[in-house]
N, C-alpha and C. Protein backbone atom coordinates (compact mmCIF):
# COMPACT_ATOMS: atom_id res chain seq x y z
N MET A 1 -134.34 -74.50 58.02
CA MET A 1 -134.85 -75.49 57.36
C MET A 1 -135.58 -75.39 55.72
N MET A 2 -134.58 -75.87 55.13
CA MET A 2 -135.25 -75.89 53.59
C MET A 2 -136.50 -76.93 52.78
N ASN A 3 -137.24 -76.97 52.14
CA ASN A 3 -138.36 -77.47 52.03
C ASN A 3 -138.09 -77.92 50.25
N LEU A 4 -137.85 -79.22 50.06
CA LEU A 4 -137.54 -79.92 49.05
C LEU A 4 -139.10 -80.26 48.29
N THR A 5 -139.76 -79.50 47.10
CA THR A 5 -141.14 -80.08 46.78
C THR A 5 -140.91 -81.17 45.27
N VAL A 6 -141.83 -82.10 45.31
CA VAL A 6 -140.94 -83.25 44.15
C VAL A 6 -142.02 -83.22 42.85
N LEU A 7 -141.68 -82.44 41.78
CA LEU A 7 -142.71 -82.72 40.99
C LEU A 7 -142.82 -84.11 40.67
N LEU A 8 -144.25 -84.91 40.20
CA LEU A 8 -144.69 -85.97 39.61
C LEU A 8 -145.57 -85.98 38.79
N PHE A 9 -145.39 -87.04 38.30
CA PHE A 9 -146.59 -87.11 36.74
C PHE A 9 -146.51 -89.11 36.62
N GLU A 10 -147.15 -89.08 35.68
CA GLU A 10 -147.96 -90.69 35.33
C GLU A 10 -146.11 -90.96 34.80
N ASP A 11 -146.29 -92.30 35.56
CA ASP A 11 -145.09 -93.25 34.90
C ASP A 11 -143.30 -92.17 35.23
N PHE A 12 -143.71 -91.91 36.28
CA PHE A 12 -142.32 -91.06 36.95
C PHE A 12 -141.71 -92.36 37.01
N GLU A 13 -140.04 -92.29 37.00
CA GLU A 13 -139.10 -92.43 37.18
C GLU A 13 -138.45 -93.04 38.89
N THR A 14 -138.62 -93.92 39.40
CA THR A 14 -138.66 -94.39 40.51
C THR A 14 -137.15 -94.06 41.56
N LEU A 15 -136.56 -94.18 40.56
CA LEU A 15 -135.10 -94.19 41.66
C LEU A 15 -134.56 -92.34 41.23
N ASP A 16 -135.45 -91.83 40.42
CA ASP A 16 -135.08 -90.32 39.92
C ASP A 16 -135.63 -89.78 41.28
N VAL A 17 -136.91 -90.37 41.87
CA VAL A 17 -137.35 -89.00 43.08
C VAL A 17 -136.57 -90.03 44.25
N PHE A 18 -136.93 -91.71 44.51
CA PHE A 18 -136.60 -91.66 45.40
C PHE A 18 -134.90 -91.86 46.32
N GLY A 19 -133.67 -91.30 44.92
CA GLY A 19 -132.96 -92.00 45.02
C GLY A 19 -132.47 -89.70 46.03
N PRO A 20 -132.78 -89.01 45.38
CA PRO A 20 -132.70 -87.73 46.21
C PRO A 20 -133.49 -87.70 47.54
N VAL A 21 -134.59 -88.26 47.23
CA VAL A 21 -135.82 -88.08 48.18
C VAL A 21 -134.52 -89.03 50.03
N GLU A 22 -134.03 -89.78 49.81
CA GLU A 22 -133.08 -90.52 50.53
C GLU A 22 -132.38 -90.03 51.00
N ILE A 23 -131.36 -89.27 49.96
CA ILE A 23 -130.70 -88.30 50.43
C ILE A 23 -131.26 -87.15 51.37
N PHE A 24 -131.88 -86.03 51.04
CA PHE A 24 -132.73 -84.83 51.53
C PHE A 24 -133.29 -85.61 52.65
N GLY A 25 -134.03 -86.75 52.83
CA GLY A 25 -135.32 -87.04 53.56
C GLY A 25 -134.65 -87.44 55.10
N ARG A 26 -133.41 -87.77 54.58
CA ARG A 26 -132.59 -88.45 55.99
C ARG A 26 -131.81 -87.00 56.98
N LEU A 27 -132.11 -86.25 56.26
CA LEU A 27 -131.76 -85.02 57.34
C LEU A 27 -132.73 -84.18 57.49
N LYS A 28 -133.69 -84.22 58.18
CA LYS A 28 -134.68 -83.43 59.16
C LYS A 28 -134.11 -82.68 59.50
N ASP A 29 -132.95 -81.98 60.28
CA ASP A 29 -132.96 -81.13 60.56
C ASP A 29 -132.48 -80.21 59.24
N LYS A 30 -132.52 -80.66 58.54
CA LYS A 30 -131.99 -79.18 57.81
C LYS A 30 -133.43 -79.18 56.14
N TYR A 31 -134.13 -80.12 55.85
CA TYR A 31 -134.86 -80.29 54.60
C TYR A 31 -136.19 -81.38 55.08
N GLN A 32 -137.40 -80.81 54.70
CA GLN A 32 -138.14 -81.19 54.81
C GLN A 32 -138.88 -81.68 53.00
N VAL A 33 -139.61 -82.70 52.96
CA VAL A 33 -139.90 -83.52 51.63
C VAL A 33 -141.19 -83.35 51.50
N SER A 34 -141.15 -83.01 50.55
CA SER A 34 -143.42 -83.01 49.91
C SER A 34 -143.65 -83.35 48.64
N PHE A 35 -144.25 -84.02 48.33
CA PHE A 35 -144.64 -84.09 46.92
C PHE A 35 -145.85 -83.37 46.02
N CYS A 36 -146.01 -82.45 44.90
CA CYS A 36 -146.62 -82.40 44.14
C CYS A 36 -146.95 -82.65 42.61
N SER A 37 -147.92 -82.38 42.36
CA SER A 37 -148.39 -83.03 40.30
C SER A 37 -149.77 -81.91 40.44
N LEU A 38 -149.85 -81.71 39.36
CA LEU A 38 -150.88 -81.02 38.50
C LEU A 38 -152.11 -81.17 39.21
N ALA A 39 -152.59 -81.86 39.27
CA ALA A 39 -154.18 -81.90 39.86
C ALA A 39 -154.06 -82.16 40.96
N GLY A 40 -152.52 -82.67 41.66
CA GLY A 40 -152.95 -83.48 42.75
C GLY A 40 -153.17 -84.81 42.85
N GLY A 41 -153.37 -85.28 44.30
CA GLY A 41 -154.00 -86.12 44.56
C GLY A 41 -152.99 -87.65 44.05
N ILE A 42 -153.39 -89.31 44.19
CA ILE A 42 -152.25 -90.24 43.95
C ILE A 42 -151.54 -89.88 42.45
N ILE A 43 -150.63 -90.48 42.69
CA ILE A 43 -149.73 -90.33 40.88
C ILE A 43 -149.32 -91.87 41.27
N LYS A 44 -148.99 -92.39 40.35
CA LYS A 44 -148.57 -93.75 40.15
C LYS A 44 -147.45 -93.57 38.82
N ASN A 45 -146.66 -94.71 38.77
CA ASN A 45 -145.49 -94.79 37.82
C ASN A 45 -145.80 -96.36 37.16
N GLU A 46 -145.16 -96.56 36.86
CA GLU A 46 -144.64 -98.37 35.89
C GLU A 46 -144.40 -99.49 36.70
N HIS A 47 -143.81 -98.79 37.60
CA HIS A 47 -143.15 -100.01 38.84
C HIS A 47 -144.39 -100.42 40.27
N GLY A 48 -145.59 -99.91 39.89
CA GLY A 48 -146.45 -99.89 40.57
C GLY A 48 -146.67 -98.92 42.12
N ILE A 49 -145.48 -97.65 42.13
CA ILE A 49 -145.29 -97.12 42.77
C ILE A 49 -146.36 -95.95 42.79
N SER A 50 -147.03 -95.39 43.94
CA SER A 50 -148.55 -94.84 44.69
C SER A 50 -148.36 -93.65 44.95
N ILE A 51 -148.23 -92.41 44.82
CA ILE A 51 -147.49 -91.76 45.87
C ILE A 51 -148.63 -90.75 46.12
N VAL A 52 -149.54 -90.16 47.07
CA VAL A 52 -150.04 -88.78 47.57
C VAL A 52 -149.76 -87.39 47.33
N THR A 53 -149.70 -86.72 46.09
CA THR A 53 -149.46 -85.57 46.03
C THR A 53 -150.36 -84.04 46.51
N GLU A 54 -150.00 -83.37 47.05
CA GLU A 54 -150.59 -81.61 46.44
C GLU A 54 -150.62 -81.51 45.60
N ARG A 55 -151.79 -80.71 44.55
CA ARG A 55 -152.04 -79.99 44.15
C ARG A 55 -151.25 -78.66 43.72
N MET A 56 -150.48 -78.69 42.90
CA MET A 56 -149.40 -77.34 42.31
C MET A 56 -149.76 -76.08 42.48
N ASN A 57 -151.01 -76.02 41.98
CA ASN A 57 -152.00 -74.46 42.64
C ASN A 57 -152.69 -74.03 44.36
N ASP A 58 -152.17 -75.85 44.97
CA ASP A 58 -152.12 -74.99 46.64
C ASP A 58 -151.44 -75.04 47.18
N LEU A 59 -149.89 -75.01 46.59
CA LEU A 59 -148.84 -74.85 47.63
C LEU A 59 -148.63 -73.71 47.82
N ARG A 60 -148.82 -73.84 49.26
CA ARG A 60 -148.64 -72.41 50.23
C ARG A 60 -147.15 -71.40 50.38
N ASN A 61 -145.91 -72.78 50.73
CA ASN A 61 -145.01 -72.15 51.18
C ASN A 61 -144.39 -71.73 49.94
N GLU A 62 -143.15 -70.75 49.62
CA GLU A 62 -142.33 -70.75 48.91
C GLU A 62 -141.50 -72.04 48.99
N VAL A 63 -140.77 -72.44 47.71
CA VAL A 63 -140.20 -74.25 47.27
C VAL A 63 -139.63 -73.42 47.14
N ASP A 64 -137.87 -74.17 48.41
CA ASP A 64 -137.10 -73.69 48.44
C ASP A 64 -136.28 -74.75 47.28
N ILE A 65 -136.22 -75.53 47.16
CA ILE A 65 -135.75 -77.04 46.04
C ILE A 65 -136.59 -77.36 45.09
N PHE A 66 -136.71 -77.36 43.92
CA PHE A 66 -137.88 -78.12 43.21
C PHE A 66 -136.92 -79.10 42.42
N LEU A 67 -137.75 -80.37 42.66
CA LEU A 67 -137.03 -81.64 41.93
C LEU A 67 -137.81 -81.72 40.81
N ILE A 68 -137.40 -81.74 39.83
CA ILE A 68 -138.30 -82.63 38.51
C ILE A 68 -137.60 -83.54 38.21
N PRO A 69 -138.11 -84.95 37.97
CA PRO A 69 -137.25 -86.24 37.53
C PRO A 69 -137.47 -86.79 36.37
N GLY A 70 -137.62 -87.80 35.87
CA GLY A 70 -137.83 -88.11 34.45
C GLY A 70 -138.47 -89.40 34.86
N GLY A 71 -138.23 -90.21 33.67
CA GLY A 71 -139.27 -90.87 33.23
C GLY A 71 -139.80 -91.08 31.82
N HIS A 72 -140.28 -92.41 31.49
CA HIS A 72 -141.46 -92.45 30.55
C HIS A 72 -142.04 -91.47 30.27
N GLY A 73 -142.45 -91.16 31.21
CA GLY A 73 -143.86 -90.08 31.72
C GLY A 73 -143.42 -88.56 30.78
N THR A 74 -142.40 -88.21 30.72
CA THR A 74 -141.49 -86.92 30.67
C THR A 74 -142.61 -86.97 28.74
N ARG A 75 -142.25 -88.03 28.06
CA ARG A 75 -143.11 -87.72 27.01
C ARG A 75 -144.04 -87.18 26.55
N ALA A 76 -144.93 -87.88 27.30
CA ALA A 76 -146.31 -87.31 27.12
C ALA A 76 -146.44 -85.32 28.32
N ALA A 77 -145.93 -85.65 29.04
CA ALA A 77 -145.41 -84.39 30.25
C ALA A 77 -145.45 -82.72 29.06
N VAL A 78 -144.01 -82.88 28.62
CA VAL A 78 -143.11 -82.24 27.71
C VAL A 78 -144.88 -81.90 26.58
N ASN A 79 -145.64 -81.99 26.24
CA ASN A 79 -146.78 -81.47 25.83
C ASN A 79 -147.55 -81.30 26.59
N ASP A 80 -148.30 -81.23 27.32
CA ASP A 80 -149.07 -80.84 28.85
C ASP A 80 -149.05 -79.27 29.09
N ASP A 81 -149.35 -77.98 28.25
CA ASP A 81 -149.40 -77.14 28.34
C ASP A 81 -149.74 -76.52 29.55
N GLY A 82 -150.53 -76.88 30.50
CA GLY A 82 -150.85 -76.79 31.68
C GLY A 82 -149.52 -76.58 32.34
N LEU A 83 -148.94 -77.87 32.85
CA LEU A 83 -148.01 -78.69 33.42
C LEU A 83 -147.10 -77.24 33.28
N ILE A 84 -146.44 -77.24 31.79
CA ILE A 84 -145.23 -76.62 31.54
C ILE A 84 -145.67 -74.89 31.82
N GLU A 85 -146.77 -74.79 31.98
CA GLU A 85 -146.59 -73.09 33.22
C GLU A 85 -146.64 -73.48 34.29
N LYS A 86 -147.28 -74.35 34.86
CA LYS A 86 -147.54 -74.54 35.97
C LYS A 86 -145.54 -74.29 36.96
N ILE A 87 -144.58 -75.19 35.91
CA ILE A 87 -143.38 -75.27 36.06
C ILE A 87 -142.52 -74.28 36.87
N ILE A 88 -142.87 -73.41 35.31
CA ILE A 88 -142.26 -72.16 34.66
C ILE A 88 -143.02 -70.94 36.19
N GLU A 89 -144.03 -71.37 36.50
CA GLU A 89 -144.49 -70.44 37.98
C GLU A 89 -143.52 -71.11 39.10
N ILE A 90 -143.51 -72.14 39.39
CA ILE A 90 -142.92 -72.56 40.02
C ILE A 90 -141.29 -72.20 40.30
N CYS A 91 -140.76 -72.16 39.14
CA CYS A 91 -139.11 -72.28 39.19
C CYS A 91 -139.16 -71.06 39.76
N GLY A 92 -139.90 -69.90 38.80
CA GLY A 92 -139.57 -68.73 39.50
C GLY A 92 -139.37 -68.36 41.25
N GLN A 93 -140.29 -69.18 41.40
CA GLN A 93 -140.84 -69.27 43.21
C GLN A 93 -139.20 -69.46 43.86
N SER A 94 -138.63 -70.53 43.53
CA SER A 94 -137.97 -71.89 43.69
C SER A 94 -136.34 -70.96 43.96
N LYS A 95 -135.89 -71.26 45.19
CA LYS A 95 -133.95 -70.99 45.20
C LYS A 95 -133.35 -71.82 44.72
N TYR A 96 -133.83 -73.10 44.14
CA TYR A 96 -133.16 -73.83 43.41
C TYR A 96 -133.61 -75.33 42.46
N VAL A 97 -133.58 -75.65 41.75
CA VAL A 97 -134.26 -76.16 40.59
C VAL A 97 -133.07 -77.33 40.47
N LEU A 98 -133.89 -78.21 40.82
CA LEU A 98 -132.99 -80.20 40.31
C LEU A 98 -134.10 -80.96 39.43
N THR A 99 -133.17 -80.98 38.19
CA THR A 99 -133.64 -82.21 37.68
C THR A 99 -132.82 -83.70 37.35
N VAL A 100 -133.61 -84.45 37.06
CA VAL A 100 -133.11 -85.85 37.36
C VAL A 100 -133.47 -86.90 35.91
N CYS A 101 -132.40 -86.76 34.77
CA CYS A 101 -132.44 -87.99 33.73
C CYS A 101 -133.45 -86.82 32.60
N THR A 102 -134.62 -87.29 32.53
CA THR A 102 -135.36 -86.60 31.48
C THR A 102 -136.08 -85.32 31.58
N GLY A 103 -135.80 -85.65 33.32
CA GLY A 103 -136.70 -84.23 33.91
C GLY A 103 -136.28 -82.78 33.23
N SER A 104 -134.64 -82.81 32.54
CA SER A 104 -134.30 -81.84 31.91
C SER A 104 -135.36 -81.39 30.79
N ALA A 105 -135.86 -82.13 30.50
CA ALA A 105 -136.46 -82.15 29.07
C ALA A 105 -137.88 -80.85 29.60
N LEU A 106 -138.28 -81.13 30.54
CA LEU A 106 -139.26 -80.95 31.24
C LEU A 106 -138.99 -79.33 31.37
N LEU A 107 -137.97 -78.74 31.78
CA LEU A 107 -137.01 -77.80 31.84
C LEU A 107 -137.02 -77.30 31.30
N ALA A 108 -136.41 -77.96 30.01
CA ALA A 108 -135.78 -76.89 28.89
C ALA A 108 -137.14 -76.36 28.37
N LYS A 109 -138.46 -77.62 28.40
CA LYS A 109 -139.22 -76.68 27.57
C LYS A 109 -139.74 -75.67 27.74
N THR A 110 -139.48 -75.01 29.23
CA THR A 110 -139.63 -73.94 29.77
C THR A 110 -139.22 -72.93 29.04
N GLY A 111 -138.11 -72.96 28.46
CA GLY A 111 -137.55 -71.99 27.94
C GLY A 111 -136.06 -71.48 28.98
N LEU A 112 -136.62 -72.05 30.41
CA LEU A 112 -135.14 -72.02 31.45
C LEU A 112 -134.06 -71.92 31.18
N LEU A 113 -133.29 -73.18 30.35
CA LEU A 113 -132.40 -73.58 30.69
C LEU A 113 -131.36 -73.21 29.20
N ASP A 114 -132.47 -71.83 28.75
CA ASP A 114 -131.81 -71.26 27.01
C ASP A 114 -130.68 -70.74 27.33
N GLY A 115 -129.13 -71.08 26.88
CA GLY A 115 -127.98 -70.27 27.40
C GLY A 115 -126.96 -70.79 28.40
N ARG A 116 -128.26 -71.99 29.16
CA ARG A 116 -127.52 -72.55 30.28
C ARG A 116 -126.91 -74.09 30.06
N LYS A 117 -125.76 -74.77 30.55
CA LYS A 117 -125.24 -75.81 30.64
C LYS A 117 -126.76 -77.04 31.27
N ALA A 118 -126.83 -77.67 30.78
CA ALA A 118 -128.04 -79.07 31.50
C ALA A 118 -127.29 -80.84 31.36
N THR A 119 -127.42 -81.28 31.34
CA THR A 119 -127.57 -82.37 30.57
C THR A 119 -129.20 -83.91 31.38
N SER A 120 -128.37 -84.91 30.10
CA SER A 120 -129.99 -85.85 30.69
C SER A 120 -129.25 -87.26 30.58
N ASN A 121 -130.03 -88.44 30.70
CA ASN A 121 -129.66 -89.42 30.04
C ASN A 121 -129.48 -89.71 28.77
N LYS A 122 -128.33 -90.64 29.09
CA LYS A 122 -127.67 -90.89 27.88
C LYS A 122 -128.45 -91.41 26.21
N LYS A 123 -129.43 -92.32 27.38
CA LYS A 123 -130.06 -93.23 25.87
C LYS A 123 -131.14 -92.37 25.33
N ALA A 124 -131.50 -91.79 26.43
CA ALA A 124 -132.50 -90.51 26.06
C ALA A 124 -132.07 -89.27 25.12
N PHE A 125 -130.80 -89.23 25.37
CA PHE A 125 -130.63 -87.54 25.01
C PHE A 125 -130.98 -87.24 23.93
N ASP A 126 -131.01 -87.84 22.19
CA ASP A 126 -131.30 -87.05 21.55
C ASP A 126 -133.12 -86.60 21.38
N TRP A 127 -133.65 -87.21 22.47
CA TRP A 127 -135.28 -87.04 21.88
C TRP A 127 -134.69 -85.41 22.92
N VAL A 128 -134.27 -85.87 24.20
CA VAL A 128 -134.43 -84.50 24.92
C VAL A 128 -133.69 -83.41 24.46
N ILE A 129 -132.24 -82.97 24.21
CA ILE A 129 -131.74 -81.93 23.56
C ILE A 129 -132.97 -81.13 22.32
N THR A 130 -134.60 -82.35 21.81
CA THR A 130 -135.12 -81.93 21.04
C THR A 130 -136.89 -80.64 21.86
N GLN A 131 -136.27 -81.18 22.91
CA GLN A 131 -137.16 -79.95 23.89
C GLN A 131 -136.62 -78.72 24.36
N GLY A 132 -135.61 -78.14 23.80
CA GLY A 132 -134.60 -77.23 23.90
C GLY A 132 -133.23 -76.91 23.32
N GLN A 133 -133.43 -76.58 22.11
CA GLN A 133 -132.63 -76.06 20.89
C GLN A 133 -131.35 -75.11 20.91
N HIS A 134 -131.77 -74.34 22.37
CA HIS A 134 -131.22 -73.22 22.84
C HIS A 134 -130.01 -73.67 24.07
N VAL A 135 -130.49 -74.22 24.76
CA VAL A 135 -129.50 -74.88 26.04
C VAL A 135 -128.57 -75.70 25.31
N GLU A 136 -127.36 -75.22 26.13
CA GLU A 136 -125.86 -76.15 25.69
C GLU A 136 -125.69 -77.58 26.90
N TRP A 137 -126.33 -78.00 26.16
CA TRP A 137 -126.84 -80.04 26.28
C TRP A 137 -124.76 -80.28 26.52
N ILE A 138 -124.51 -80.73 27.49
CA ILE A 138 -123.65 -81.32 27.96
C ILE A 138 -123.79 -83.11 27.84
N LYS A 139 -123.29 -83.66 27.03
CA LYS A 139 -123.42 -85.11 27.05
C LYS A 139 -122.51 -85.57 28.03
N LYS A 140 -121.59 -85.47 28.34
CA LYS A 140 -120.54 -86.04 28.90
C LYS A 140 -120.88 -85.81 30.63
N ALA A 141 -121.56 -84.83 30.56
CA ALA A 141 -121.37 -83.91 32.55
C ALA A 141 -122.25 -85.41 33.22
N ARG A 142 -122.01 -85.96 34.24
CA ARG A 142 -123.05 -86.73 35.07
C ARG A 142 -123.64 -85.61 35.84
N TRP A 143 -123.75 -84.10 36.09
CA TRP A 143 -124.54 -83.53 36.34
C TRP A 143 -124.21 -81.97 36.00
N THR A 144 -124.53 -81.08 35.95
CA THR A 144 -124.05 -79.24 35.62
C THR A 144 -125.20 -78.93 36.65
N LYS A 145 -124.74 -77.38 36.55
CA LYS A 145 -124.51 -76.71 37.63
C LYS A 145 -124.78 -75.13 36.62
N ALA A 146 -126.30 -74.38 36.51
CA ALA A 146 -125.71 -72.89 36.10
C ALA A 146 -126.76 -72.37 36.78
N ASP A 147 -126.20 -71.53 37.63
CA ASP A 147 -126.97 -70.39 38.53
C ASP A 147 -128.09 -71.81 39.38
N LYS A 148 -129.01 -71.11 39.08
CA LYS A 148 -129.95 -72.22 40.12
C LYS A 148 -130.02 -73.08 40.23
N PHE A 149 -129.87 -73.61 38.92
CA PHE A 149 -130.09 -74.95 38.12
C PHE A 149 -129.46 -76.60 37.89
N TYR A 150 -129.09 -77.16 38.58
CA TYR A 150 -128.71 -78.48 38.33
C TYR A 150 -129.52 -79.22 37.60
N THR A 151 -128.89 -80.16 36.79
CA THR A 151 -129.24 -80.93 36.55
C THR A 151 -128.71 -82.67 35.80
N SER A 152 -128.98 -83.63 36.11
CA SER A 152 -128.37 -84.77 36.10
C SER A 152 -128.30 -85.45 34.80
N ALA A 153 -127.36 -86.40 34.89
CA ALA A 153 -127.59 -88.12 33.82
C ALA A 153 -128.61 -88.97 34.14
N GLY A 154 -128.38 -89.58 34.04
CA GLY A 154 -129.80 -91.08 34.12
C GLY A 154 -130.09 -91.52 35.22
N VAL A 155 -131.24 -91.28 35.67
CA VAL A 155 -131.29 -92.07 36.88
C VAL A 155 -130.81 -92.17 38.53
N SER A 156 -129.34 -92.91 38.15
CA SER A 156 -128.61 -93.17 39.55
C SER A 156 -127.92 -91.61 39.36
N ALA A 157 -127.53 -90.92 38.71
CA ALA A 157 -126.96 -89.49 38.60
C ALA A 157 -127.77 -88.65 39.37
N GLY A 158 -128.99 -89.11 39.61
CA GLY A 158 -129.48 -87.57 40.92
C GLY A 158 -129.36 -87.67 41.79
N MET A 159 -128.69 -88.83 42.48
CA MET A 159 -128.09 -89.08 43.25
C MET A 159 -126.24 -88.19 43.51
N ASP A 160 -125.33 -88.68 42.21
CA ASP A 160 -124.65 -87.66 42.43
C ASP A 160 -124.77 -86.64 42.27
N MET A 161 -125.99 -86.00 42.11
CA MET A 161 -126.33 -84.62 41.88
C MET A 161 -126.50 -84.10 42.96
N SER A 162 -127.60 -84.68 44.09
CA SER A 162 -127.96 -84.40 45.29
C SER A 162 -126.52 -84.16 46.00
N LEU A 163 -126.09 -85.14 46.01
CA LEU A 163 -125.19 -85.11 46.63
C LEU A 163 -124.24 -83.95 46.42
N GLY A 164 -123.86 -83.64 45.14
CA GLY A 164 -123.20 -82.68 45.30
C GLY A 164 -123.47 -80.81 45.26
N PHE A 165 -124.86 -81.04 45.29
CA PHE A 165 -125.49 -80.09 46.11
C PHE A 165 -125.51 -79.95 47.12
N LEU A 166 -125.43 -80.64 48.37
CA LEU A 166 -125.70 -80.39 50.06
C LEU A 166 -123.68 -80.68 49.75
N SER A 167 -122.64 -80.98 48.76
CA SER A 167 -121.43 -80.53 49.00
C SER A 167 -121.50 -78.55 47.74
N ASP A 168 -121.98 -78.37 47.71
CA ASP A 168 -122.24 -76.87 47.54
C ASP A 168 -122.68 -75.74 48.89
N ILE A 169 -123.54 -76.36 49.37
CA ILE A 169 -124.22 -75.60 50.46
C ILE A 169 -123.67 -75.82 51.99
N HIS A 170 -123.74 -77.38 52.26
CA HIS A 170 -123.11 -77.61 53.08
C HIS A 170 -121.19 -78.08 53.55
N GLY A 171 -120.54 -78.18 51.95
CA GLY A 171 -119.25 -78.43 51.86
C GLY A 171 -119.35 -80.08 51.53
N VAL A 172 -117.97 -80.44 51.01
CA VAL A 172 -117.59 -81.89 50.62
C VAL A 172 -117.69 -82.63 51.65
N ASP A 173 -117.39 -82.41 53.01
CA ASP A 173 -117.13 -83.53 53.75
C ASP A 173 -118.72 -83.72 54.17
N TYR A 174 -119.29 -83.06 54.38
CA TYR A 174 -120.85 -83.17 54.68
C TYR A 174 -121.25 -84.57 54.08
N ALA A 175 -121.32 -83.60 52.60
CA ALA A 175 -121.98 -84.60 51.60
C ALA A 175 -121.01 -85.73 51.13
N ARG A 176 -119.74 -86.12 51.85
CA ARG A 176 -119.41 -87.58 51.42
C ARG A 176 -119.34 -88.19 52.98
N LYS A 177 -120.02 -87.05 54.04
CA LYS A 177 -120.62 -87.88 54.89
C LYS A 177 -121.80 -88.86 55.09
N VAL A 178 -122.70 -87.88 54.35
CA VAL A 178 -123.55 -88.04 53.75
C VAL A 178 -123.53 -89.93 53.13
N ALA A 179 -122.62 -89.70 52.06
CA ALA A 179 -123.02 -90.70 51.09
C ALA A 179 -122.33 -91.88 51.70
N PHE A 180 -121.66 -91.86 52.68
CA PHE A 180 -120.69 -93.27 53.58
C PHE A 180 -122.15 -93.74 54.48
N GLU A 181 -123.37 -92.97 54.83
CA GLU A 181 -124.37 -93.54 55.81
C GLU A 181 -125.28 -93.97 55.23
N ILE A 182 -125.42 -93.86 53.61
CA ILE A 182 -126.05 -94.64 53.06
C ILE A 182 -125.22 -95.58 51.62
N GLU A 183 -123.99 -95.82 52.60
CA GLU A 183 -122.91 -96.91 51.65
C GLU A 183 -123.27 -96.41 50.00
N TYR A 184 -123.39 -95.10 49.47
CA TYR A 184 -123.34 -94.76 48.18
C TYR A 184 -121.80 -94.68 47.66
N ASN A 185 -121.07 -94.95 47.20
CA ASN A 185 -120.15 -94.91 45.90
C ASN A 185 -120.88 -93.38 45.79
N TRP A 186 -120.52 -92.61 45.84
CA TRP A 186 -120.37 -90.85 45.17
C TRP A 186 -119.52 -90.73 44.01
N ILE A 187 -119.77 -90.37 42.78
CA ILE A 187 -119.31 -89.61 41.98
C ILE A 187 -119.62 -88.44 42.09
N GLU A 188 -118.21 -87.84 42.47
CA GLU A 188 -118.07 -86.67 42.96
C GLU A 188 -117.59 -85.38 41.76
N ASP A 189 -116.81 -86.09 41.06
CA ASP A 189 -116.87 -85.43 39.64
C ASP A 189 -117.72 -85.34 38.68
N MET A 190 -118.28 -84.13 38.56
CA MET A 190 -119.86 -83.83 37.75
C MET A 190 -119.44 -83.71 36.87
N GLU A 191 -118.07 -83.64 35.99
CA GLU A 191 -117.95 -83.95 34.37
C GLU A 191 -117.57 -84.97 33.78
N GLU A 192 -117.79 -85.79 34.81
CA GLU A 192 -117.67 -87.32 34.01
C GLU A 192 -118.50 -88.31 34.33
N ASP A 193 -118.27 -88.98 33.39
CA ASP A 193 -119.63 -89.97 33.36
C ASP A 193 -119.49 -91.29 32.73
N ASN A 194 -119.00 -92.31 33.43
CA ASN A 194 -118.46 -93.41 32.58
C ASN A 194 -119.94 -93.81 31.91
N PHE A 195 -121.04 -94.08 32.13
CA PHE A 195 -121.94 -93.92 31.71
C PHE A 195 -121.54 -94.17 29.81
N TYR A 196 -121.27 -92.54 29.87
CA TYR A 196 -121.15 -91.25 28.44
C TYR A 196 -120.41 -92.27 27.85
N LEU A 197 -119.23 -93.14 28.30
CA LEU A 197 -118.09 -93.08 28.06
C LEU A 197 -118.47 -94.95 27.40
N GLN A 198 -119.46 -95.55 28.37
CA GLN A 198 -119.81 -96.93 27.67
C GLN A 198 -120.28 -96.75 26.25
N TYR A 199 -121.76 -95.86 26.29
CA TYR A 199 -122.30 -95.46 25.33
C TYR A 199 -121.91 -95.26 23.84
N HIS A 200 -120.79 -94.14 24.38
CA HIS A 200 -119.93 -94.18 23.38
C HIS A 200 -119.43 -94.59 22.89
N LYS A 201 -118.81 -95.92 23.28
CA LYS A 201 -117.87 -96.51 22.88
C LYS A 201 -118.79 -98.04 21.95
N LYS A 202 -120.10 -98.31 23.06
CA LYS A 202 -120.99 -99.01 21.82
C LYS A 202 -121.71 -99.10 21.11
N ASN A 203 -121.46 -97.43 20.64
CA ASN A 203 -122.18 -96.71 19.28
C ASN A 203 -120.69 -96.75 18.77
N ALA A 204 -119.75 -96.75 18.85
CA ALA A 204 -118.74 -96.64 17.74
C ALA A 204 -118.44 -98.14 17.28
N ASP A 205 -118.66 -98.85 18.57
CA ASP A 205 -118.98 -100.40 17.85
C ASP A 205 -119.70 -100.68 16.83
N ILE A 206 -120.87 -100.38 17.23
CA ILE A 206 -122.31 -100.51 16.09
C ILE A 206 -121.65 -99.98 14.71
N ARG A 207 -120.99 -98.77 14.65
CA ARG A 207 -120.85 -98.31 13.25
C ARG A 207 -119.76 -98.79 12.79
N VAL A 208 -118.98 -99.35 13.14
CA VAL A 208 -117.54 -100.46 12.95
C VAL A 208 -118.18 -101.70 12.16
N ASP A 209 -119.03 -101.97 13.47
CA ASP A 209 -119.78 -103.23 12.49
C ASP A 209 -120.42 -103.06 11.47
N SER A 210 -121.63 -102.36 11.17
CA SER A 210 -122.04 -101.98 10.60
C SER A 210 -121.77 -101.63 8.95
């Protein structure tokens, strides 16, 4: 049994968290899900979601999988030195580290992504890359894998990454079965992101029209 520990902070993105939690949480024979935050207690987001969390200092068990979501709250969180220090500590203890959306900005701020491939939400990409000047940012990717670090593009891409992780650990047929059970059209190619193509076209149209 592996434990998945999800980091929460004020104004986390709902689907960044609950997309992967839906996937891992239903696999009760293989994964156990818990939530943590810097100070512990109830963490809320702008959608009105409240979750009780454990204080990061009180995490007693080794963290097998550490999940860092994104959301508007990352803008303030990247400047919280105490949080960044705890992320570094927990990442060092974890077998795998997964980020969704702008969660990669928090991981980049630690320096642990330096020299590694990573991606993020296409709409926030220009801001995210300022948090890690030495990261090999891949704008087109749906998700990336570099050693034990997985990063995904925006919001729903966290589900594609989670299924990609299951494919790496348990095989592609297992991941496809999980995707079928939740009636999700899994984007299996980590290097292709249709949303990147749409944003790229939209920006190109803007430049032509201006």
